[in-house]
Amino acid sequence: MWAAQNGSIEASLWQQAAVAAAAQQKARALEERNEYGQKLFDKLLPYVADLQRLMGNQWPKSATAGKLTGLFLELDKDEWEELLTSEDAFEQRVKEALDVLGDANMNA
């Protein structure tokens, strides 16, 4: 009887450890996403302001730095890195996002 109880306790401890490890991994992933989000937002903010001035009335109203950051965070982590390190990739993704938001505004 003692061995059965001990085995049950051990299995429960393993389950608790697995749940805790999964929670830590999820928290790390969320923290990493937030860090990348802040870096992308910081990079987008002056860029968006400049484009708004240049595009005037053609600028999609919903295209804020926050909205673009949210769109970019839907990409994979490798793409976040590329957006932060490659100006060409960054500019291309901003253009694509503006096209999508512009189309959404026209269809609304």
C-alpha atoms as a PDB file:
ATOM      1  CA  MET A   1       0.000   0.000   0.000  1.00  0.00           C
ATOM      2  CA  TRP A   2       2.820   2.403   0.876  1.00  0.00           C
ATOM      3  CA  ALA A   3       4.486   1.758  -2.489  1.00  0.00           C
ATOM      4  CA  ALA A   4       1.249   2.544  -4.351  1.00  0.00           C
ATOM      5  CA  GLN A   5       0.771   5.797  -2.450  1.00  0.00           C
ATOM      6  CA  ASN A   6       4.425   6.725  -2.947  1.00  0.00           C
ATOM      7  CA  GLY A   7       4.126   6.061  -6.696  1.00  0.00           C
ATOM      8  CA  SER A   8       1.000   8.191  -6.875  1.00  0.00           C
ATOM      9  CA  ILE A   9       2.693  11.043  -5.031  1.00  0.00           C
ATOM     10  CA  GLU A  10       5.727  10.792  -7.297  1.00  0.00           C
ATOM     11  CA  ALA A  11       3.519  10.890 -10.415  1.00  0.00           C
ATOM     12  CA  SER A  12       1.710  13.926  -9.034  1.00  0.00           C
ATOM     13  CA  LEU A  13       5.008  15.692  -8.384  1.00  0.00           C
ATOM     14  CA  TRP A  14       6.139  14.970 -11.952  1.00  0.00           C
ATOM     15  CA  GLN A  15       2.884  16.407 -13.281  1.00  0.00           C
ATOM     16  CA  GLN A  16       3.286  19.532 -11.175  1.00  0.00           C
ATOM     17  CA  ALA A  17       6.864  19.952 -12.375  1.00  0.00           C
ATOM     18  CA  ALA A  18       5.773  19.572 -15.996  1.00  0.00           C
ATOM     19  CA  VAL A  19       3.000  22.164 -15.553  1.00  0.00           C
ATOM     20  CA  ALA A  20       5.432  24.582 -13.885  1.00  0.00           C
ATOM     21  CA  ALA A  21       7.989  24.112 -16.671  1.00  0.00           C
ATOM     22  CA  ALA A  22       5.340  24.744 -19.325  1.00  0.00           C
ATOM     23  CA  ALA A  23       4.195  27.888 -17.512  1.00  0.00           C
ATOM     24  CA  GLN A  24       7.779  29.165 -17.306  1.00  0.00           C
ATOM     25  CA  GLN A  25       8.321  28.495 -21.003  1.00  0.00           C
ATOM     26  CA  LYS A  26       5.110  30.341 -21.886  1.00  0.00           C
ATOM     27  CA  ALA A  27       6.120  33.277 -19.678  1.00  0.00           C
ATOM     28  CA  ARG A  28       9.559  33.441 -21.342  1.00  0.00           C
ATOM     29  CA  ALA A  29       7.982  33.392 -24.808  1.00  0.00           C
ATOM     30  CA  LEU A  30       5.587  36.188 -23.831  1.00  0.00           C
ATOM     31  CA  GLU A  31       8.422  38.240 -22.345  1.00  0.00           C
ATOM     32  CA  GLU A  32      10.481  37.751 -25.512  1.00  0.00           C
ATOM     33  CA  ARG A  33       7.500  38.759 -27.678  1.00  0.00           C
ATOM     34  CA  ASN A  34       7.037  41.895 -25.587  1.00  0.00           C
ATOM     35  CA  GLU A  35      10.733  42.775 -25.906  1.00  0.00           C
ATOM     36  CA  TYR A  36      10.651  42.387 -29.682  1.00  0.00           C
ATOM     37  CA  GLY A  37       7.385  44.307 -29.799  1.00  0.00           C
ATOM     38  CA  GLN A  38       8.954  47.227 -27.970  1.00  0.00           C
ATOM     39  CA  LYS A  39      11.985  47.208 -30.264  1.00  0.00           C
ATOM     40  CA  LEU A  40       9.783  47.101 -33.358  1.00  0.00           C
ATOM     41  CA  PHE A  41       7.539  49.861 -32.019  1.00  0.00           C
ATOM     42  CA  ASP A  42      10.556  52.044 -31.237  1.00  0.00           C
ATOM     43  CA  LYS A  43      11.837  51.517 -34.778  1.00  0.00           C
ATOM     44  CA  LEU A  44       8.424  52.137 -36.351  1.00  0.00           C
ATOM     45  CA  LEU A  45       7.457  55.278 -34.456  1.00  0.00           C
ATOM     46  CA  PRO A  46       9.716  57.813 -36.230  1.00  0.00           C
ATOM     47  CA  TYR A  47       9.390  55.959 -39.533  1.00  0.00           C
ATOM     48  CA  VAL A  48       5.584  56.093 -39.400  1.00  0.00           C
ATOM     49  CA  ALA A  49       5.625  59.787 -38.484  1.00  0.00           C
ATOM     50  CA  ASP A  50       7.787  60.571 -41.510  1.00  0.00           C
ATOM     51  CA  LEU A  51       5.588  58.511 -43.841  1.00  0.00           C
ATOM     52  CA  GLN A  52       2.422  60.147 -42.519  1.00  0.00           C
ATOM     53  CA  ARG A  53       3.810  63.554 -43.391  1.00  0.00           C
ATOM     54  CA  LEU A  54       4.845  62.396 -46.867  1.00  0.00           C
ATOM     55  CA  MET A  55       1.642  60.545 -47.726  1.00  0.00           C
ATOM     56  CA  GLY A  56      -0.821  63.056 -46.273  1.00  0.00           C
ATOM     57  CA  ASN A  57      -4.408  62.047 -47.067  1.00  0.00           C
ATOM     58  CA  GLN A  58      -3.296  58.783 -48.678  1.00  0.00           C
ATOM     59  CA  TRP A  59      -2.106  57.477 -45.301  1.00  0.00           C
ATOM     60  CA  PRO A  60      -4.430  54.733 -43.985  1.00  0.00           C
ATOM     61  CA  LYS A  61      -6.024  56.116 -40.807  1.00  0.00           C
ATOM     62  CA  SER A  62      -5.634  52.796 -38.984  1.00  0.00           C
ATOM     63  CA  ALA A  63      -1.892  52.592 -39.715  1.00  0.00           C
ATOM     64  CA  THR A  64      -0.444  53.581 -36.353  1.00  0.00           C
ATOM     65  CA  ALA A  65       2.923  52.420 -35.089  1.00  0.00           C
ATOM     66  CA  GLY A  66       1.053  50.271 -32.576  1.00  0.00           C
ATOM     67  CA  LYS A  67      -1.108  48.664 -35.259  1.00  0.00           C
ATOM     68  CA  LEU A  68       1.909  47.948 -37.471  1.00  0.00           C
ATOM     69  CA  THR A  69       3.782  46.504 -34.489  1.00  0.00           C
ATOM     70  CA  GLY A  70       0.854  44.194 -33.816  1.00  0.00           C
ATOM     71  CA  LEU A  71       0.839  43.056 -37.429  1.00  0.00           C
ATOM     72  CA  PHE A  72       4.575  42.421 -37.315  1.00  0.00           C
ATOM     73  CA  LEU A  73       4.272  40.395 -34.117  1.00  0.00           C
ATOM     74  CA  GLU A  74       2.095  37.940 -36.038  1.00  0.00           C
ATOM     75  CA  LEU A  75       5.241  36.979 -37.958  1.00  0.00           C
ATOM     76  CA  ASP A  76       7.801  34.418 -36.797  1.00  0.00           C
ATOM     77  CA  LYS A  77      10.645  35.312 -34.448  1.00  0.00           C
ATOM     78  CA  ASP A  78      13.169  34.972 -37.278  1.00  0.00           C
ATOM     79  CA  GLU A  79      11.261  37.601 -39.230  1.00  0.00           C
ATOM     80  CA  TRP A  80      11.271  39.931 -36.194  1.00  0.00           C
ATOM     81  CA  GLU A  81      15.056  39.704 -36.190  1.00  0.00           C
ATOM     82  CA  GLU A  82      15.183  40.439 -39.890  1.00  0.00           C
ATOM     83  CA  LEU A  83      12.935  43.480 -39.475  1.00  0.00           C
ATOM     84  CA  LEU A  84      15.267  44.835 -36.817  1.00  0.00           C
ATOM     85  CA  THR A  85      18.483  44.184 -38.728  1.00  0.00           C
ATOM     86  CA  SER A  86      17.588  44.678 -42.400  1.00  0.00           C
ATOM     87  CA  GLU A  87      16.329  48.063 -43.564  1.00  0.00           C
ATOM     88  CA  ASP A  88      15.224  46.578 -46.893  1.00  0.00           C
ATOM     89  CA  ALA A  89      13.123  43.887 -45.182  1.00  0.00           C
ATOM     90  CA  PHE A  90      11.739  46.486 -42.760  1.00  0.00           C
ATOM     91  CA  GLU A  91      10.701  48.893 -45.520  1.00  0.00           C
ATOM     92  CA  GLN A  92       9.185  46.070 -47.592  1.00  0.00           C
ATOM     93  CA  ARG A  93       7.105  44.819 -44.650  1.00  0.00           C
ATOM     94  CA  VAL A  94       5.923  48.332 -43.817  1.00  0.00           C
ATOM     95  CA  LYS A  95       4.820  48.777 -47.433  1.00  0.00           C
ATOM     96  CA  GLU A  96       2.979  45.444 -47.379  1.00  0.00           C
ATOM     97  CA  ALA A  97       1.267  46.329 -44.103  1.00  0.00           C
ATOM     98  CA  LEU A  98       0.216  49.736 -45.442  1.00  0.00           C
ATOM     99  CA  ASP A  99      -1.222  48.089 -48.544  1.00  0.00           C
ATOM    100  CA  VAL A 100      -3.246  45.684 -46.384  1.00  0.00           C
ATOM    101  CA  LEU A 101      -4.486  48.448 -44.090  1.00  0.00           C
ATOM    102  CA  GLY A 102      -5.265  50.714 -47.042  1.00  0.00           C
ATOM    103  CA  ASP A 103      -7.306  47.957 -48.682  1.00  0.00           C
ATOM    104  CA  ALA A 104      -9.124  47.297 -45.395  1.00  0.00           C
ATOM    105  CA  ASN A 105     -10.001  50.987 -45.082  1.00  0.00           C
ATOM    106  CA  MET A 106     -11.342  51.083 -48.650  1.00  0.00           C
ATOM    107  CA  ASN A 107     -13.522  48.003 -48.035  1.00  0.00           C
ATOM    108  CA  ALA A 108     -14.859  49.240 -44.691  1.00  0.00           C
END
